[in-house]
C-alpha atoms as a PDB file:
ATOM      1  CA  MET A   1      29.283   7.972  -3.163  1.00  0.00           C
ATOM      2  CA  SER A   2      26.504   9.695  -1.173  1.00  0.00           C
ATOM      3  CA  ILE A   3      23.878   7.833   0.837  1.00  0.00           C
ATOM      4  CA  ALA A   4      21.122   9.246  -1.376  1.00  0.00           C
ATOM      5  CA  LEU A   5      22.804   7.990  -4.541  1.00  0.00           C
ATOM      6  CA  ILE A   6      23.482   4.543  -3.091  1.00  0.00           C
ATOM      7  CA  ALA A   7      19.888   4.316  -1.919  1.00  0.00           C
ATOM      8  CA  SER A   8      18.469   5.239  -5.306  1.00  0.00           C
ATOM      9  CA  GLU A   9      20.696   3.154  -7.577  1.00  0.00           C
ATOM     10  CA  GLY A  10      18.791   0.445  -9.405  1.00  0.00           C
ATOM     11  CA  THR A  11      16.259   0.782  -6.696  1.00  0.00           C
ATOM     12  CA  ILE A  12      12.639   0.059  -6.822  1.00  0.00           C
ATOM     13  CA  ALA A  13      11.794  -0.514 -10.446  1.00  0.00           C
ATOM     14  CA  ASN A  14      11.463  -4.213  -9.688  1.00  0.00           C
ATOM     15  CA  ARG A  15      10.363  -3.828  -6.057  1.00  0.00           C
ATOM     16  CA  GLN A  16       6.801  -2.624  -6.341  1.00  0.00           C
ATOM     17  CA  PRO A  17       4.686  -2.582  -3.161  1.00  0.00           C
ATOM     18  CA  GLN A  18       2.244  -5.430  -2.695  1.00  0.00           C
ATOM     19  CA  VAL A  19      -1.162  -4.031  -3.594  1.00  0.00           C
ATOM     20  CA  ASP A  20      -3.206  -5.906  -0.984  1.00  0.00           C
ATOM     21  CA  SER A  21      -0.895  -5.086   1.934  1.00  0.00           C
ATOM     22  CA  PRO A  22      -2.133  -2.567   4.532  1.00  0.00           C
ATOM     23  CA  LEU A  23       1.415  -1.163   4.580  1.00  0.00           C
ATOM     24  CA  ALA A  24       3.944  -1.908   1.846  1.00  0.00           C
ATOM     25  CA  ILE A  25       7.371  -0.260   1.896  1.00  0.00           C
ATOM     26  CA  ARG A  26      10.026  -0.579  -0.800  1.00  0.00           C
ATOM     27  CA  GLY A  27      13.580   0.735  -0.792  1.00  0.00           C
ATOM     28  CA  LEU A  28      13.052   3.098   2.139  1.00  0.00           C
ATOM     29  CA  THR A  29      16.160   5.018   3.225  1.00  0.00           C
ATOM     30  CA  VAL A  30      16.245   7.709   5.907  1.00  0.00           C
ATOM     31  CA  SER A  31      19.372   9.537   7.009  1.00  0.00           C
ATOM     32  CA  TYR A  32      20.181  11.902   9.841  1.00  0.00           C
ATOM     33  CA  GLY A  33      23.328  13.583   8.562  1.00  0.00           C
ATOM     34  CA  GLN A  34      25.637  11.174   6.739  1.00  0.00           C
ATOM     35  CA  LYS A  35      24.657   8.087   8.689  1.00  0.00           C
ATOM     36  CA  PRO A  36      21.548   6.190   7.526  1.00  0.00           C
ATOM     37  CA  ALA A  37      18.997   5.464  10.242  1.00  0.00           C
ATOM     38  CA  VAL A  38      17.099   3.155   7.882  1.00  0.00           C
ATOM     39  CA  PHE A  39      18.730   1.810   4.745  1.00  0.00           C
ATOM     40  CA  SER A  40      16.941   0.404   1.687  1.00  0.00           C
ATOM     41  CA  VAL A  41      14.240  -1.347   3.712  1.00  0.00           C
ATOM     42  CA  ASP A  42      11.438  -3.432   2.230  1.00  0.00           C
ATOM     43  CA  MET A  43       8.477  -4.354   4.409  1.00  0.00           C
ATOM     44  CA  THR A  44       5.152  -6.013   3.621  1.00  0.00           C
ATOM     45  CA  VAL A  45       2.631  -5.993   6.466  1.00  0.00           C
ATOM     46  CA  GLN A  46       0.102  -8.811   6.420  1.00  0.00           C
ATOM     47  CA  PRO A  47      -3.579  -7.802   6.701  1.00  0.00           C
ATOM     48  CA  GLY A  48      -5.587  -8.609   9.810  1.00  0.00           C
ATOM     49  CA  ALA A  49      -2.510  -9.547  11.826  1.00  0.00           C
ATOM     50  CA  MET A  50      -0.345  -8.168  14.615  1.00  0.00           C
ATOM     51  CA  THR A  51       3.263  -7.492  13.619  1.00  0.00           C
ATOM     52  CA  ALA A  52       6.131  -6.647  15.983  1.00  0.00           C
ATOM     53  CA  VAL A  53       8.981  -4.439  14.747  1.00  0.00           C
ATOM     54  CA  ILE A  54      12.045  -5.568  16.679  1.00  0.00           C
ATOM     55  CA  GLY A  55      15.675  -4.495  16.858  1.00  0.00           C
ATOM     56  CA  PRO A  56      18.306  -3.025  19.180  1.00  0.00           C
ATOM     57  CA  ASN A  57      18.322   0.596  20.320  1.00  0.00           C
ATOM     58  CA  GLY A  58      19.175   2.863  17.395  1.00  0.00           C
ATOM     59  CA  ALA A  59      18.198   0.222  14.834  1.00  0.00           C
ATOM     60  CA  GLY A  60      15.694   2.496  13.069  1.00  0.00           C
ATOM     61  CA  LYS A  61      12.438   1.028  14.388  1.00  0.00           C
ATOM     62  CA  SER A  62      10.734   4.318  15.266  1.00  0.00           C
ATOM     63  CA  THR A  63      12.236   6.033  12.230  1.00  0.00           C
ATOM     64  CA  LEU A  64      10.732   3.349  10.001  1.00  0.00           C
ATOM     65  CA  LEU A  65       7.237   4.084  11.314  1.00  0.00           C
ATOM     66  CA  LYS A  66       7.697   7.850  11.131  1.00  0.00           C
ATOM     67  CA  ALA A  67       8.975   7.666   7.558  1.00  0.00           C
ATOM     68  CA  ALA A  68       6.094   5.406   6.562  1.00  0.00           C
ATOM     69  CA  LEU A  69       3.720   8.050   7.954  1.00  0.00           C
ATOM     70  CA  GLY A  70       5.543  10.961   6.327  1.00  0.00           C
ATOM     71  CA  ILE A  71       6.552  12.434   9.698  1.00  0.00           C
ATOM     72  CA  VAL A  72      10.184  12.278   8.618  1.00  0.00           C
ATOM     73  CA  LYS A  73      11.221  12.660   4.995  1.00  0.00           C
ATOM     74  CA  PRO A  74      13.005   9.685   3.427  1.00  0.00           C
ATOM     75  CA  LEU A  75      15.867   9.998   0.969  1.00  0.00           C
ATOM     76  CA  SER A  76      14.305   7.350  -1.215  1.00  0.00           C
ATOM     77  CA  GLY A  77      11.647   4.681  -1.283  1.00  0.00           C
ATOM     78  CA  GLN A  78       7.966   4.087  -1.795  1.00  0.00           C
ATOM     79  CA  VAL A  79       5.170   3.667   0.726  1.00  0.00           C
ATOM     80  CA  GLN A  80       1.712   2.410  -0.115  1.00  0.00           C
ATOM     81  CA  VAL A  81      -1.223   1.960   2.234  1.00  0.00           C
ATOM     82  CA  PHE A  82      -3.858  -0.520   1.066  1.00  0.00           C
ATOM     83  CA  GLY A  83      -2.450  -0.262  -2.444  1.00  0.00           C
ATOM     84  CA  ALA A  84      -2.555   3.527  -2.719  1.00  0.00           C
ATOM     85  CA  PRO A  85      -0.209   6.426  -1.884  1.00  0.00           C
ATOM     86  CA  LEU A  86      -0.093   7.473   1.753  1.00  0.00           C
ATOM     87  CA  ASP A  87      -1.712  10.883   1.180  1.00  0.00           C
ATOM     88  CA  ARG A  88      -4.869   9.213  -0.137  1.00  0.00           C
ATOM     89  CA  GLN A  89      -5.164   6.792   2.766  1.00  0.00           C
ATOM     90  CA  ARG A  90      -4.360   8.790   5.895  1.00  0.00           C
ATOM     91  CA  ALA A  91      -7.911   8.467   7.179  1.00  0.00           C
ATOM     92  CA  ARG A  92      -7.379   4.702   7.413  1.00  0.00           C
ATOM     93  CA  ILE A  93      -4.347   4.985   9.723  1.00  0.00           C
ATOM     94  CA  ALA A  94      -4.119   5.633  13.468  1.00  0.00           C
ATOM     95  CA  TYR A  95      -0.763   6.320  15.110  1.00  0.00           C
ATOM     96  CA  VAL A  96       0.245   6.149  18.772  1.00  0.00           C
ATOM     97  CA  PRO A  97       3.652   7.835  19.270  1.00  0.00           C
ATOM     98  CA  GLN A  98       6.129   7.157  22.040  1.00  0.00           C
ATOM     99  CA  ARG A  99       4.860   8.548  25.329  1.00  0.00           C
ATOM    100  CA  ALA A 100       8.192  10.290  25.933  1.00  0.00           C
ATOM    101  CA  SER A 101       7.685  12.435  22.820  1.00  0.00           C
ATOM    102  CA  ILE A 102       4.517  14.107  24.146  1.00  0.00           C
ATOM    103  CA  ASP A 103       4.235  17.294  26.216  1.00  0.00           C
ATOM    104  CA  TRP A 104       2.161  16.078  29.146  1.00  0.00           C
ATOM    105  CA  ASP A 105       2.105  19.534  30.746  1.00  0.00           C
ATOM    106  CA  PHE A 106      -0.294  20.807  28.090  1.00  0.00           C
ATOM    107  CA  PRO A 107      -3.491  21.764  29.983  1.00  0.00           C
ATOM    108  CA  THR A 108      -6.172  19.553  28.520  1.00  0.00           C
ATOM    109  CA  ARG A 109      -8.645  17.001  29.805  1.00  0.00           C
ATOM    110  CA  VAL A 110      -8.611  13.302  29.029  1.00  0.00           C
ATOM    111  CA  ILE A 111     -11.896  13.554  27.099  1.00  0.00           C
ATOM    112  CA  ASP A 112     -10.442  16.338  24.940  1.00  0.00           C
ATOM    113  CA  VAL A 113      -7.428  14.222  24.029  1.00  0.00           C
ATOM    114  CA  VAL A 114      -9.677  11.419  22.828  1.00  0.00           C
ATOM    115  CA  LEU A 115     -11.878  13.850  20.901  1.00  0.00           C
ATOM    116  CA  MET A 116      -8.754  14.810  18.917  1.00  0.00           C
ATOM    117  CA  GLY A 117      -9.106  11.416  17.274  1.00  0.00           C
ATOM    118  CA  LEU A 118     -12.420  12.586  15.806  1.00  0.00           C
ATOM    119  CA  TYR A 119     -10.985  15.648  14.099  1.00  0.00           C
ATOM    120  CA  ARG A 120     -12.085  14.490  10.642  1.00  0.00           C
ATOM    121  CA  GLN A 121     -15.679  14.294  11.853  1.00  0.00           C
ATOM    122  CA  LEU A 122     -15.549  17.507  13.876  1.00  0.00           C
ATOM    123  CA  GLY A 123     -14.331  19.610  10.950  1.00  0.00           C
ATOM    124  CA  LEU A 124     -12.604  22.976  11.065  1.00  0.00           C
ATOM    125  CA  LEU A 125     -14.953  24.509  13.615  1.00  0.00           C
ATOM    126  CA  GLY A 126     -14.474  21.620  16.005  1.00  0.00           C
ATOM    127  CA  ARG A 127     -18.029  21.684  17.312  1.00  0.00           C
ATOM    128  CA  VAL A 128     -18.409  18.718  19.678  1.00  0.00           C
ATOM    129  CA  ARG A 129     -21.854  17.135  19.626  1.00  0.00           C
ATOM    130  CA  ALA A 130     -23.353  14.533  21.916  1.00  0.00           C
ATOM    131  CA  VAL A 131     -22.554  11.761  19.442  1.00  0.00           C
ATOM    132  CA  HIS A 132     -18.866  12.721  19.457  1.00  0.00           C
ATOM    133  CA  ARG A 133     -18.673  12.770  23.243  1.00  0.00           C
ATOM    134  CA  ALA A 134     -20.437   9.407  23.413  1.00  0.00           C
ATOM    135  CA  ARG A 135     -17.896   7.952  20.980  1.00  0.00           C
ATOM    136  CA  ALA A 136     -14.993   9.321  23.020  1.00  0.00           C
ATOM    137  CA  LEU A 137     -16.415   7.883  26.255  1.00  0.00           C
ATOM    138  CA  GLU A 138     -16.918   4.524  24.546  1.00  0.00           C
ATOM    139  CA  CYS A 139     -13.242   4.463  23.558  1.00  0.00           C
ATOM    140  CA  LEU A 140     -12.163   5.430  27.072  1.00  0.00           C
ATOM    141  CA  ASP A 141     -14.334   2.653  28.452  1.00  0.00           C
ATOM    142  CA  ARG A 142     -12.612   0.207  26.127  1.00  0.00           C
ATOM    143  CA  VAL A 143      -9.219   1.012  27.687  1.00  0.00           C
ATOM    144  CA  GLY A 144     -10.563   1.215  31.249  1.00  0.00           C
ATOM    145  CA  MET A 145     -10.305   5.014  31.554  1.00  0.00           C
ATOM    146  CA  ARG A 146     -13.901   6.264  31.382  1.00  0.00           C
ATOM    147  CA  ASP A 147     -13.887   7.392  35.015  1.00  0.00           C
ATOM    148  CA  PHE A 148     -10.937   9.704  34.250  1.00  0.00           C
ATOM    149  CA  ALA A 149     -12.632  11.590  31.411  1.00  0.00           C
ATOM    150  CA  GLU A 150     -12.611  14.981  33.163  1.00  0.00           C
ATOM    151  CA  ARG A 151      -9.143  14.612  34.669  1.00  0.00           C
ATOM    152  CA  GLN A 152      -6.233  16.713  33.407  1.00  0.00           C
ATOM    153  CA  ILE A 153      -3.975  14.534  31.261  1.00  0.00           C
ATOM    154  CA  GLY A 154      -0.870  15.613  33.179  1.00  0.00           C
ATOM    155  CA  GLN A 155      -2.331  14.278  36.423  1.00  0.00           C
ATOM    156  CA  LEU A 156      -2.347  10.690  35.183  1.00  0.00           C
ATOM    157  CA  SER A 157       0.297   8.035  35.626  1.00  0.00           C
ATOM    158  CA  GLY A 158       2.396   6.968  32.654  1.00  0.00           C
ATOM    159  CA  GLY A 159       0.332   3.861  32.109  1.00  0.00           C
ATOM    160  CA  GLN A 160      -2.922   5.813  32.265  1.00  0.00           C
ATOM    161  CA  GLN A 161      -1.620   8.345  29.764  1.00  0.00           C
ATOM    162  CA  GLN A 162      -0.719   5.546  27.379  1.00  0.00           C
ATOM    163  CA  ARG A 163      -4.229   4.142  27.647  1.00  0.00           C
ATOM    164  CA  VAL A 164      -5.698   7.566  26.830  1.00  0.00           C
ATOM    165  CA  PHE A 165      -3.622   7.861  23.668  1.00  0.00           C
ATOM    166  CA  LEU A 166      -4.716   4.390  22.645  1.00  0.00           C
ATOM    167  CA  ALA A 167      -8.313   5.536  23.179  1.00  0.00           C
ATOM    168  CA  ARG A 168      -7.625   8.513  20.880  1.00  0.00           C
ATOM    169  CA  ALA A 169      -6.412   6.074  18.217  1.00  0.00           C
ATOM    170  CA  LEU A 170      -9.531   3.926  18.704  1.00  0.00           C
ATOM    171  CA  ALA A 171     -11.697   6.993  18.136  1.00  0.00           C
ATOM    172  CA  GLN A 172     -10.266   7.248  14.630  1.00  0.00           C
ATOM    173  CA  ASP A 173     -11.838   3.873  13.764  1.00  0.00           C
ATOM    174  CA  ALA A 174      -8.856   3.089  11.534  1.00  0.00           C
ATOM    175  CA  ASP A 175      -8.011   0.007   9.505  1.00  0.00           C
ATOM    176  CA  LEU A 176      -4.281   0.187  10.255  1.00  0.00           C
ATOM    177  CA  TYR A 177      -2.874   0.931  13.723  1.00  0.00           C
ATOM    178  CA  LEU A 178       0.789   1.867  14.165  1.00  0.00           C
ATOM    179  CA  LEU A 179       2.096   2.028  17.745  1.00  0.00           C
ATOM    180  CA  ASP A 180       5.583   3.062  18.824  1.00  0.00           C
ATOM    181  CA  GLU A 181       6.683   1.306  22.041  1.00  0.00           C
ATOM    182  CA  PRO A 182       3.203   1.260  23.659  1.00  0.00           C
ATOM    183  CA  PHE A 183       4.373  -0.997  26.506  1.00  0.00           C
ATOM    184  CA  ALA A 184       7.459   1.008  27.449  1.00  0.00           C
ATOM    185  CA  GLY A 185       7.418   2.096  31.088  1.00  0.00           C
ATOM    186  CA  VAL A 186       3.861   0.978  31.829  1.00  0.00           C
ATOM    187  CA  ASP A 187       2.626  -1.194  34.677  1.00  0.00           C
ATOM    188  CA  ALA A 188       1.551  -4.813  34.239  1.00  0.00           C
ATOM    189  CA  ALA A 189      -2.166  -3.953  34.392  1.00  0.00           C
ATOM    190  CA  THR A 190      -1.804  -1.376  31.621  1.00  0.00           C
ATOM    191  CA  GLU A 191       0.197  -3.759  29.443  1.00  0.00           C
ATOM    192  CA  LYS A 192      -2.511  -6.381  29.868  1.00  0.00           C
ATOM    193  CA  ALA A 193      -5.218  -3.842  29.003  1.00  0.00           C
ATOM    194  CA  ILE A 194      -3.366  -2.600  25.906  1.00  0.00           C
ATOM    195  CA  ILE A 195      -2.613  -6.033  24.489  1.00  0.00           C
ATOM    196  CA  GLY A 196      -6.235  -7.001  25.086  1.00  0.00           C
ATOM    197  CA  VAL A 197      -7.425  -4.035  23.030  1.00  0.00           C
ATOM    198  CA  LEU A 198      -4.908  -4.740  20.261  1.00  0.00           C
ATOM    199  CA  LYS A 199      -5.982  -8.366  20.043  1.00  0.00           C
ATOM    200  CA  SER A 200      -9.614  -7.263  19.853  1.00  0.00           C
ATOM    201  CA  LEU A 201      -8.718  -4.991  16.943  1.00  0.00           C
ATOM    202  CA  ARG A 202      -7.135  -7.949  15.194  1.00  0.00           C
ATOM    203  CA  ALA A 203     -10.295  -9.980  15.831  1.00  0.00           C
ATOM    204  CA  GLU A 204     -12.235  -7.205  14.078  1.00  0.00           C
ATOM    205  CA  GLY A 205     -10.008  -7.575  11.015  1.00  0.00           C
ATOM    206  CA  ARG A 206      -7.835  -4.519  11.703  1.00  0.00           C
ATOM    207  CA  THR A 207      -4.073  -4.582  11.164  1.00  0.00           C
ATOM    208  CA  VAL A 208      -1.700  -3.698  14.009  1.00  0.00           C
ATOM    209  CA  VAL A 209       2.019  -2.864  13.782  1.00  0.00           C
ATOM    210  CA  VAL A 210       3.927  -2.339  17.039  1.00  0.00           C
ATOM    211  CA  VAL A 211       7.488  -1.219  17.705  1.00  0.00           C
ATOM    212  CA  HIS A 212       8.303  -3.622  20.517  1.00  0.00           C
ATOM    213  CA  HIS A 213      11.237  -4.108  22.871  1.00  0.00           C
ATOM    214  CA  ASP A 214      10.362  -7.079  25.083  1.00  0.00           C
ATOM    215  CA  LEU A 215      11.550 -10.184  23.254  1.00  0.00           C
ATOM    216  CA  ALA A 216      10.081 -12.468  25.922  1.00  0.00           C
ATOM    217  CA  THR A 217       6.496 -11.555  24.972  1.00  0.00           C
ATOM    218  CA  VAL A 218       6.797 -11.697  21.176  1.00  0.00           C
ATOM    219  CA  ARG A 219       5.440 -15.220  20.896  1.00  0.00           C
ATOM    220  CA  ASP A 220       2.408 -14.507  23.105  1.00  0.00           C
ATOM    221  CA  TYR A 221       1.512 -11.161  21.599  1.00  0.00           C
ATOM    222  CA  PHE A 222       2.232 -11.245  17.853  1.00  0.00           C
ATOM    223  CA  ASP A 223       1.542 -13.195  14.681  1.00  0.00           C
ATOM    224  CA  ASN A 224       4.422 -11.801  12.625  1.00  0.00           C
ATOM    225  CA  VAL A 225       7.771 -10.205  13.285  1.00  0.00           C
ATOM    226  CA  PHE A 226       9.934  -7.714  11.392  1.00  0.00           C
ATOM    227  CA  LEU A 227      13.567  -7.641  12.540  1.00  0.00           C
ATOM    228  CA  ILE A 228      15.656  -4.597  11.694  1.00  0.00           C
ATOM    229  CA  ASN A 229      19.093  -3.225  12.411  1.00  0.00           C
ATOM    230  CA  THR A 230      19.232  -0.223  10.053  1.00  0.00           C
ATOM    231  CA  SER A 231      18.526  -2.670   7.213  1.00  0.00           C
ATOM    232  CA  LYS A 232      15.947  -5.418   7.271  1.00  0.00           C
ATOM    233  CA  VAL A 233      17.205  -8.669   8.773  1.00  0.00           C
ATOM    234  CA  ALA A 234      14.118 -10.869   8.456  1.00  0.00           C
ATOM    235  CA  GLU A 235      10.336 -10.744   8.136  1.00  0.00           C
ATOM    236  CA  GLY A 236       7.621 -13.348   8.534  1.00  0.00           C
ATOM    237  CA  PRO A 237       5.544 -15.427  10.955  1.00  0.00           C
ATOM    238  CA  VAL A 238       6.849 -15.590  14.518  1.00  0.00           C
ATOM    239  CA  ALA A 239       7.009 -19.398  14.419  1.00  0.00           C
ATOM    240  CA  THR A 240       9.459 -19.468  11.501  1.00  0.00           C
ATOM    241  CA  THR A 241      11.190 -16.077  11.721  1.00  0.00           C
ATOM    242  CA  PHE A 242      11.805 -15.448  15.414  1.00  0.00           C
ATOM    243  CA  THR A 243      14.766 -17.817  15.616  1.00  0.00           C
ATOM    244  CA  ALA A 244      18.207 -17.947  17.205  1.00  0.00           C
ATOM    245  CA  GLU A 245      19.778 -17.173  13.835  1.00  0.00           C
ATOM    246  CA  THR A 246      17.688 -14.092  13.084  1.00  0.00           C
ATOM    247  CA  LEU A 247      17.999 -12.772  16.630  1.00  0.00           C
ATOM    248  CA  GLN A 248      21.763 -13.174  16.529  1.00  0.00           C
ATOM    249  CA  ALA A 249      21.883 -11.449  13.142  1.00  0.00           C
ATOM    250  CA  THR A 250      19.752  -8.587  14.480  1.00  0.00           C
ATOM    251  CA  TYR A 251      21.362  -8.035  17.864  1.00  0.00           C
ATOM    252  CA  GLY A 252      24.845  -9.449  17.331  1.00  0.00           C
ATOM    253  CA  GLY A 253      26.845  -9.345  20.534  1.00  0.00           C
ATOM    254  CA  ARG A 254      24.172  -7.344  22.376  1.00  0.00           C
ATOM    255  CA  LEU A 255      22.429 -10.566  23.389  1.00  0.00           C
ATOM    256  CA  ALA A 256      24.218 -13.448  25.030  1.00  0.00           C
ATOM    257  CA  THR A 257      24.050 -16.689  23.063  1.00  0.00           C
ATOM    258  CA  ALA A 258      22.197 -18.396  25.917  1.00  0.00           C
ATOM    259  CA  GLN A 259      19.595 -15.610  25.926  1.00  0.00           C
ATOM    260  CA  VAL A 260      19.111 -15.858  22.170  1.00  0.00           C
ATOM    261  CA  ASP A 261      18.674 -19.634  22.347  1.00  0.00           C
ATOM    262  CA  GLN A 262      16.206 -19.333  25.231  1.00  0.00           C
ATOM    263  CA  LEU A 263      14.076 -16.720  23.466  1.00  0.00           C
ATOM    264  CA  ALA A 264      14.062 -18.598  20.190  1.00  0.00           C
ATOM    265  CA  ALA A 265      13.166 -21.865  21.940  1.00  0.00           C
ATOM    266  CA  ALA A 266      10.237 -20.103  23.645  1.00  0.00           C
ATOM    267  CA  ALA A 267       9.071 -18.764  20.279  1.00  0.00           C
ATOM    268  CA  LEU A 268       9.083 -22.229  18.758  1.00  0.00           C
ATOM    269  CA  ALA A 269       7.533 -24.028  21.749  1.00  0.00           C
END
């Protein structure tokens, strides 16, 4: 039986997305070739909270976000954003991709990258007015990069580049922020700056979903956790979901038992 057929059998008739969720996914399956990257996943993101998407390498974390955004085409499943189809709600979403997926040799200034986040306001002609530049500089200031506005993006460090792309997302003034590994390969100062901005978004009532790899910081950074290893393992508040049992189920033998117990104990402390 094919993956597509398995994924669609009896599927989502009784698994309707939750209307009030900023991001509700039901029965999502994505395959690269014959092997599913994400299989029949349900996910309900809680509004006004920060959610970590956690799992081992190759577990489908990034694919889940890309499929939810329509960047990759799923075999089956439904995605709703604030109770409506994705195509009707794109203006309410901001996405920060993995830094490694971006061509940093493209000759553009930092300020121009941030202005890309205002494309809906700029229109087809892309005429930048003083109000647009002021908004871009405000977003750069928020991530500590205002002084680099005229610098070429390729001249920045990895952490600085990540801050600039977060500033571009801030310029969109979205209700839902999706970030794919924003802390990967950045310095401690940048990580502190990014998490500070994300927490401020939460304080404003925005919803933040982050593909995250550092299990040691889950308790300090996030309200909720979504554990995945191709299929969903668990979902819920960090205090009740980030446990030794769910970590072992997610990572299996990839984490030593002592490490699992230590991380879970920290989450429940």
